[in-house]
């Protein structure tokens, strides 16, 4: 996905290893479960701040990309620290954490995020849920949201609702919904090529 075409045009690529993944064992994963989920976003923000501090990039030229849970990640940090970024690619994302457990496979992830119907758990989920925290009158980086009509894991309603809310609030947001492809967002190589071409063309034009 990140190859010569991006690098030859002057781009750099940073991979943020943040708490919540499985790269460094169970404790690393457990460090961002439920009420600790904000740790993952704080880690990601810290990486972005370090990239800027080291002058590897600047907010004007810094974009972020994530899909699925990574779409939730980039959506959350976008609303929390919009001044750090100038472009966001948010793919097949979880964004409405108030209702995620009612849509498709969402209920199976309650061990990861918590139960939004429980007031104590919604108190921390609601603090980072992008759909609930995006605001009018705030300058956000330009956003490209992508999804698939046939996503059978994360409902396309997450992306659709976020686009509708951001448009209502007057934000600059782009949207692409593929008719096929399931949670991968594309059903074949041609569709994958189109999806990645859209994503990287958007980043290249927005960040240079």
C-alpha atoms as a PDB file:
ATOM      1  CA  UNK A   1       0.000   0.000   0.000  1.00  0.00           C
ATOM      2  CA  UNK A   2       2.843   2.393   0.781  1.00  0.00           C
ATOM      3  CA  UNK A   3       5.434   2.093  -1.941  1.00  0.00           C
ATOM      4  CA  UNK A   4       7.572   3.862  -4.491  1.00  0.00           C
ATOM      5  CA  UNK A   5       4.780   6.062  -5.858  1.00  0.00           C
ATOM      6  CA  UNK A   6       4.274   7.666  -2.433  1.00  0.00           C
ATOM      7  CA  UNK A   7       7.953   7.877  -1.489  1.00  0.00           C
ATOM      8  CA  UNK A   8       9.066   9.115  -4.889  1.00  0.00           C
ATOM      9  CA  UNK A   9       6.662  12.033  -4.522  1.00  0.00           C
ATOM     10  CA  UNK A  10       8.367  13.117  -1.312  1.00  0.00           C
ATOM     11  CA  UNK A  11       6.134  11.316   1.135  1.00  0.00           C
ATOM     12  CA  UNK A  12       7.275   9.607   4.313  1.00  0.00           C
ATOM     13  CA  UNK A  13       5.488   6.870   6.221  1.00  0.00           C
ATOM     14  CA  UNK A  14       5.282   6.442   9.995  1.00  0.00           C
ATOM     15  CA  UNK A  15       3.781   3.366  11.673  1.00  0.00           C
ATOM     16  CA  UNK A  16       2.590   4.079  15.222  1.00  0.00           C
ATOM     17  CA  UNK A  17       2.796   1.047  17.522  1.00  0.00           C
ATOM     18  CA  UNK A  18       0.277   2.011  20.178  1.00  0.00           C
ATOM     19  CA  UNK A  19      -1.286   0.230  23.089  1.00  0.00           C
ATOM     20  CA  UNK A  20      -4.294  -1.886  22.196  1.00  0.00           C
ATOM     21  CA  UNK A  21      -2.677  -4.042  19.529  1.00  0.00           C
ATOM     22  CA  UNK A  22      -1.137  -7.462  19.962  1.00  0.00           C
ATOM     23  CA  UNK A  23       2.402  -6.611  18.865  1.00  0.00           C
ATOM     24  CA  UNK A  24       3.959  -6.867  22.320  1.00  0.00           C
ATOM     25  CA  UNK A  25       1.816  -9.441  24.074  1.00  0.00           C
ATOM     26  CA  UNK A  26      -1.343  -9.529  26.217  1.00  0.00           C
ATOM     27  CA  UNK A  27      -0.427  -6.646  28.522  1.00  0.00           C
ATOM     28  CA  UNK A  28       0.075  -4.355  25.532  1.00  0.00           C
ATOM     29  CA  UNK A  29      -3.411  -5.256  24.306  1.00  0.00           C
ATOM     30  CA  UNK A  30      -4.995  -4.941  27.747  1.00  0.00           C
ATOM     31  CA  UNK A  31      -3.474  -1.487  28.158  1.00  0.00           C
ATOM     32  CA  UNK A  32      -6.219  -0.042  25.959  1.00  0.00           C
ATOM     33  CA  UNK A  33      -9.277  -2.135  26.859  1.00  0.00           C
ATOM     34  CA  UNK A  34     -12.554  -0.515  27.931  1.00  0.00           C
ATOM     35  CA  UNK A  35     -11.851   2.367  30.328  1.00  0.00           C
ATOM     36  CA  UNK A  36      -8.209   2.392  29.174  1.00  0.00           C
ATOM     37  CA  UNK A  37      -9.080   2.970  25.508  1.00  0.00           C
ATOM     38  CA  UNK A  38      -7.930   6.583  25.669  1.00  0.00           C
ATOM     39  CA  UNK A  39      -4.383   5.248  26.141  1.00  0.00           C
ATOM     40  CA  UNK A  40      -4.361   4.189  22.497  1.00  0.00           C
ATOM     41  CA  UNK A  41      -5.358   7.665  21.361  1.00  0.00           C
ATOM     42  CA  UNK A  42      -2.860   9.331  23.692  1.00  0.00           C
ATOM     43  CA  UNK A  43      -0.114   7.087  22.305  1.00  0.00           C
ATOM     44  CA  UNK A  44      -1.038   7.974  18.726  1.00  0.00           C
ATOM     45  CA  UNK A  45      -1.138  11.678  19.528  1.00  0.00           C
ATOM     46  CA  UNK A  46       2.279  11.382  21.207  1.00  0.00           C
ATOM     47  CA  UNK A  47       3.717   9.826  18.027  1.00  0.00           C
ATOM     48  CA  UNK A  48       2.283  12.680  15.931  1.00  0.00           C
ATOM     49  CA  UNK A  49       3.708  15.268  18.319  1.00  0.00           C
ATOM     50  CA  UNK A  50       7.108  13.561  18.171  1.00  0.00           C
ATOM     51  CA  UNK A  51       7.060  13.502  14.368  1.00  0.00           C
ATOM     52  CA  UNK A  52       6.422  17.247  14.426  1.00  0.00           C
ATOM     53  CA  UNK A  53       9.007  17.918  17.152  1.00  0.00           C
ATOM     54  CA  UNK A  54      11.666  16.028  15.170  1.00  0.00           C
ATOM     55  CA  UNK A  55      10.707  18.087  12.094  1.00  0.00           C
ATOM     56  CA  UNK A  56       9.990  14.965  10.080  1.00  0.00           C
ATOM     57  CA  UNK A  57       6.736  16.675   9.162  1.00  0.00           C
ATOM     58  CA  UNK A  58       4.478  19.499  10.287  1.00  0.00           C
ATOM     59  CA  UNK A  59       0.732  19.783  10.889  1.00  0.00           C
ATOM     60  CA  UNK A  60       0.326  21.269   7.400  1.00  0.00           C
ATOM     61  CA  UNK A  61       1.874  18.163   5.837  1.00  0.00           C
ATOM     62  CA  UNK A  62       0.802  15.443   8.289  1.00  0.00           C
ATOM     63  CA  UNK A  63      -1.999  13.042   7.377  1.00  0.00           C
ATOM     64  CA  UNK A  64      -3.332   9.968   9.135  1.00  0.00           C
ATOM     65  CA  UNK A  65      -5.022   6.815   7.901  1.00  0.00           C
ATOM     66  CA  UNK A  66      -6.805   3.937   9.599  1.00  0.00           C
ATOM     67  CA  UNK A  67      -9.467   1.338   8.928  1.00  0.00           C
ATOM     68  CA  UNK A  68     -12.025  -0.484  11.080  1.00  0.00           C
ATOM     69  CA  UNK A  69     -10.798  -0.037  14.672  1.00  0.00           C
ATOM     70  CA  UNK A  70      -8.106   2.114  13.071  1.00  0.00           C
ATOM     71  CA  UNK A  71     -10.905   4.209  11.589  1.00  0.00           C
ATOM     72  CA  UNK A  72     -12.174   4.757  15.116  1.00  0.00           C
ATOM     73  CA  UNK A  73      -8.621   5.680  16.103  1.00  0.00           C
ATOM     74  CA  UNK A  74      -8.137   8.356  13.448  1.00  0.00           C
ATOM     75  CA  UNK A  75     -11.681   9.629  13.993  1.00  0.00           C
ATOM     76  CA  UNK A  76     -11.081   9.987  17.728  1.00  0.00           C
ATOM     77  CA  UNK A  77      -7.735  11.765  17.450  1.00  0.00           C
ATOM     78  CA  UNK A  78      -9.122  14.012  14.715  1.00  0.00           C
ATOM     79  CA  UNK A  79     -11.790  15.377  17.049  1.00  0.00           C
ATOM     80  CA  UNK A  80      -9.441  15.497  20.050  1.00  0.00           C
ATOM     81  CA  UNK A  81      -6.419  17.145  18.402  1.00  0.00           C
ATOM     82  CA  UNK A  82      -7.466  18.534  15.016  1.00  0.00           C
ATOM     83  CA  UNK A  83      -4.625  21.051  14.949  1.00  0.00           C
ATOM     84  CA  UNK A  84      -2.043  18.276  14.543  1.00  0.00           C
ATOM     85  CA  UNK A  85      -3.223  17.079  11.125  1.00  0.00           C
ATOM     86  CA  UNK A  86      -4.231  18.315   7.691  1.00  0.00           C
ATOM     87  CA  UNK A  87      -5.748  15.135   6.224  1.00  0.00           C
ATOM     88  CA  UNK A  88      -7.564  12.063   7.532  1.00  0.00           C
ATOM     89  CA  UNK A  89      -8.378   8.886   5.622  1.00  0.00           C
ATOM     90  CA  UNK A  90     -10.969   7.011   7.675  1.00  0.00           C
ATOM     91  CA  UNK A  91     -11.818   3.597   6.205  1.00  0.00           C
ATOM     92  CA  UNK A  92     -14.710   1.217   7.060  1.00  0.00           C
ATOM     93  CA  UNK A  93     -14.748   2.890  10.492  1.00  0.00           C
ATOM     94  CA  UNK A  94     -16.450   2.508  13.811  1.00  0.00           C
ATOM     95  CA  UNK A  95     -17.574   6.038  14.703  1.00  0.00           C
ATOM     96  CA  UNK A  96     -20.920   5.995  16.526  1.00  0.00           C
ATOM     97  CA  UNK A  97     -19.942   4.229  19.725  1.00  0.00           C
ATOM     98  CA  UNK A  98     -23.352   4.897  21.287  1.00  0.00           C
ATOM     99  CA  UNK A  99     -24.928   2.333  18.971  1.00  0.00           C
ATOM    100  CA  UNK A 100     -22.026   0.209  17.744  1.00  0.00           C
ATOM    101  CA  UNK A 101     -23.208  -2.831  19.735  1.00  0.00           C
ATOM    102  CA  UNK A 102     -26.567  -2.810  17.919  1.00  0.00           C
ATOM    103  CA  UNK A 103     -25.096  -2.955  14.405  1.00  0.00           C
ATOM    104  CA  UNK A 104     -23.899  -6.148  12.695  1.00  0.00           C
ATOM    105  CA  UNK A 105     -20.977  -7.717  14.604  1.00  0.00           C
ATOM    106  CA  UNK A 106     -20.772  -4.878  17.117  1.00  0.00           C
ATOM    107  CA  UNK A 107     -22.070  -6.808  20.112  1.00  0.00           C
ATOM    108  CA  UNK A 108     -19.106  -9.179  19.871  1.00  0.00           C
ATOM    109  CA  UNK A 109     -16.719  -6.277  20.591  1.00  0.00           C
ATOM    110  CA  UNK A 110     -18.218  -5.235  23.910  1.00  0.00           C
ATOM    111  CA  UNK A 111     -15.355  -6.976  25.716  1.00  0.00           C
ATOM    112  CA  UNK A 112     -13.035  -4.583  23.899  1.00  0.00           C
ATOM    113  CA  UNK A 113     -14.884  -1.275  24.183  1.00  0.00           C
ATOM    114  CA  UNK A 114     -17.511  -1.762  26.883  1.00  0.00           C
ATOM    115  CA  UNK A 115     -21.302  -1.535  27.019  1.00  0.00           C
ATOM    116  CA  UNK A 116     -22.667   1.880  26.026  1.00  0.00           C
ATOM    117  CA  UNK A 117     -26.017   1.013  27.645  1.00  0.00           C
ATOM    118  CA  UNK A 118     -24.283   0.920  31.035  1.00  0.00           C
ATOM    119  CA  UNK A 119     -24.055   4.508  32.310  1.00  0.00           C
ATOM    120  CA  UNK A 120     -20.681   4.027  33.972  1.00  0.00           C
ATOM    121  CA  UNK A 121     -19.172   2.540  30.818  1.00  0.00           C
ATOM    122  CA  UNK A 122     -20.791   5.086  28.497  1.00  0.00           C
ATOM    123  CA  UNK A 123     -19.129   7.787  30.599  1.00  0.00           C
ATOM    124  CA  UNK A 124     -15.730   6.809  29.197  1.00  0.00           C
ATOM    125  CA  UNK A 125     -16.898   5.548  25.793  1.00  0.00           C
ATOM    126  CA  UNK A 126     -18.734   8.812  25.188  1.00  0.00           C
ATOM    127  CA  UNK A 127     -15.598  10.823  25.854  1.00  0.00           C
ATOM    128  CA  UNK A 128     -13.908   9.533  22.698  1.00  0.00           C
ATOM    129  CA  UNK A 129     -16.764   8.490  20.386  1.00  0.00           C
ATOM    130  CA  UNK A 130     -16.128  10.581  17.230  1.00  0.00           C
ATOM    131  CA  UNK A 131     -19.756  10.881  16.159  1.00  0.00           C
ATOM    132  CA  UNK A 132     -20.775  12.265  19.538  1.00  0.00           C
ATOM    133  CA  UNK A 133     -17.809  14.638  19.834  1.00  0.00           C
ATOM    134  CA  UNK A 134     -17.491  16.281  16.429  1.00  0.00           C
ATOM    135  CA  UNK A 135     -18.539  19.928  16.725  1.00  0.00           C
ATOM    136  CA  UNK A 136     -19.554  22.834  14.544  1.00  0.00           C
ATOM    137  CA  UNK A 137     -17.232  25.831  14.634  1.00  0.00           C
ATOM    138  CA  UNK A 138     -14.070  23.712  15.013  1.00  0.00           C
ATOM    139  CA  UNK A 139     -11.482  23.589  12.230  1.00  0.00           C
ATOM    140  CA  UNK A 140     -10.850  19.919  11.449  1.00  0.00           C
ATOM    141  CA  UNK A 141      -8.435  18.455   8.928  1.00  0.00           C
ATOM    142  CA  UNK A 142     -10.010  17.531   5.613  1.00  0.00           C
ATOM    143  CA  UNK A 143     -11.484  14.030   5.812  1.00  0.00           C
ATOM    144  CA  UNK A 144     -12.016  11.237   3.295  1.00  0.00           C
ATOM    145  CA  UNK A 145     -14.349   8.536   4.631  1.00  0.00           C
ATOM    146  CA  UNK A 146     -14.654   5.245   2.766  1.00  0.00           C
ATOM    147  CA  UNK A 147     -16.914   2.259   3.351  1.00  0.00           C
ATOM    148  CA  UNK A 148     -18.661  -0.615   1.601  1.00  0.00           C
ATOM    149  CA  UNK A 149     -22.399  -1.089   1.176  1.00  0.00           C
ATOM    150  CA  UNK A 150     -21.850  -4.808   1.825  1.00  0.00           C
ATOM    151  CA  UNK A 151     -19.596  -4.530   4.861  1.00  0.00           C
ATOM    152  CA  UNK A 152     -20.828  -7.358   7.085  1.00  0.00           C
ATOM    153  CA  UNK A 153     -18.749  -6.444  10.144  1.00  0.00           C
ATOM    154  CA  UNK A 154     -18.806  -2.662  10.610  1.00  0.00           C
ATOM    155  CA  UNK A 155     -22.070  -1.205   9.349  1.00  0.00           C
ATOM    156  CA  UNK A 156     -21.681   1.498   6.677  1.00  0.00           C
ATOM    157  CA  UNK A 157     -24.068   3.605   8.772  1.00  0.00           C
ATOM    158  CA  UNK A 158     -21.064   4.644  10.880  1.00  0.00           C
ATOM    159  CA  UNK A 159     -19.405   6.397   7.938  1.00  0.00           C
ATOM    160  CA  UNK A 160     -22.674   7.638   6.445  1.00  0.00           C
ATOM    161  CA  UNK A 161     -23.831   9.249   9.678  1.00  0.00           C
ATOM    162  CA  UNK A 162     -20.466  10.867  10.316  1.00  0.00           C
ATOM    163  CA  UNK A 163     -20.429  12.391   6.843  1.00  0.00           C
ATOM    164  CA  UNK A 164     -23.990  13.677   7.261  1.00  0.00           C
ATOM    165  CA  UNK A 165     -23.221  15.227  10.648  1.00  0.00           C
ATOM    166  CA  UNK A 166     -20.006  16.848   9.470  1.00  0.00           C
ATOM    167  CA  UNK A 167     -21.717  18.251   6.391  1.00  0.00           C
ATOM    168  CA  UNK A 168     -24.514  19.644   8.561  1.00  0.00           C
ATOM    169  CA  UNK A 169     -21.881  21.311  10.709  1.00  0.00           C
ATOM    170  CA  UNK A 170     -20.184  22.851   7.665  1.00  0.00           C
ATOM    171  CA  UNK A 171     -17.008  20.755   7.587  1.00  0.00           C
ATOM    172  CA  UNK A 172     -15.081  19.790   4.456  1.00  0.00           C
ATOM    173  CA  UNK A 173     -15.567  16.034   4.116  1.00  0.00           C
ATOM    174  CA  UNK A 174     -15.302  13.615   1.186  1.00  0.00           C
ATOM    175  CA  UNK A 175     -17.060  10.252   0.946  1.00  0.00           C
ATOM    176  CA  UNK A 176     -16.686   7.103  -1.130  1.00  0.00           C
ATOM    177  CA  UNK A 177     -18.894   4.033  -0.689  1.00  0.00           C
ATOM    178  CA  UNK A 178     -18.090   0.948  -2.722  1.00  0.00           C
ATOM    179  CA  UNK A 179     -21.101  -1.243  -3.553  1.00  0.00           C
ATOM    180  CA  UNK A 180     -19.143  -4.456  -2.993  1.00  0.00           C
ATOM    181  CA  UNK A 181     -16.241  -5.740  -0.977  1.00  0.00           C
ATOM    182  CA  UNK A 182     -17.375  -6.502   2.544  1.00  0.00           C
ATOM    183  CA  UNK A 183     -15.175  -5.220   5.362  1.00  0.00           C
ATOM    184  CA  UNK A 184     -12.169  -5.009   3.042  1.00  0.00           C
ATOM    185  CA  UNK A 185     -13.957  -2.201   1.211  1.00  0.00           C
ATOM    186  CA  UNK A 186     -13.214  -3.773  -2.182  1.00  0.00           C
ATOM    187  CA  UNK A 187     -14.180  -7.063  -3.822  1.00  0.00           C
ATOM    188  CA  UNK A 188     -11.320  -7.491  -6.299  1.00  0.00           C
ATOM    189  CA  UNK A 189      -7.965  -6.086  -7.354  1.00  0.00           C
ATOM    190  CA  UNK A 190      -9.497  -3.419  -9.590  1.00  0.00           C
ATOM    191  CA  UNK A 191     -11.641  -2.103  -6.752  1.00  0.00           C
ATOM    192  CA  UNK A 192      -8.716  -2.216  -4.319  1.00  0.00           C
ATOM    193  CA  UNK A 193      -6.647  -0.252  -6.791  1.00  0.00           C
ATOM    194  CA  UNK A 194      -9.387   2.351  -7.071  1.00  0.00           C
ATOM    195  CA  UNK A 195      -9.781   2.635  -3.296  1.00  0.00           C
ATOM    196  CA  UNK A 196      -6.056   3.060  -2.644  1.00  0.00           C
ATOM    197  CA  UNK A 197      -5.630   5.419  -5.590  1.00  0.00           C
ATOM    198  CA  UNK A 198      -8.398   7.617  -4.186  1.00  0.00           C
ATOM    199  CA  UNK A 199      -6.847   7.533  -0.720  1.00  0.00           C
ATOM    200  CA  UNK A 200      -3.294   8.345  -1.730  1.00  0.00           C
ATOM    201  CA  UNK A 201      -4.306  10.910  -4.345  1.00  0.00           C
ATOM    202  CA  UNK A 202      -6.337  12.665  -1.675  1.00  0.00           C
ATOM    203  CA  UNK A 203      -3.366  12.617   0.727  1.00  0.00           C
ATOM    204  CA  UNK A 204      -0.909  13.780  -1.915  1.00  0.00           C
ATOM    205  CA  UNK A 205      -3.077  16.715  -3.002  1.00  0.00           C
ATOM    206  CA  UNK A 206      -4.027  17.704   0.532  1.00  0.00           C
ATOM    207  CA  UNK A 207      -0.580  17.490   2.113  1.00  0.00           C
ATOM    208  CA  UNK A 208       1.722  18.953  -0.577  1.00  0.00           C
END
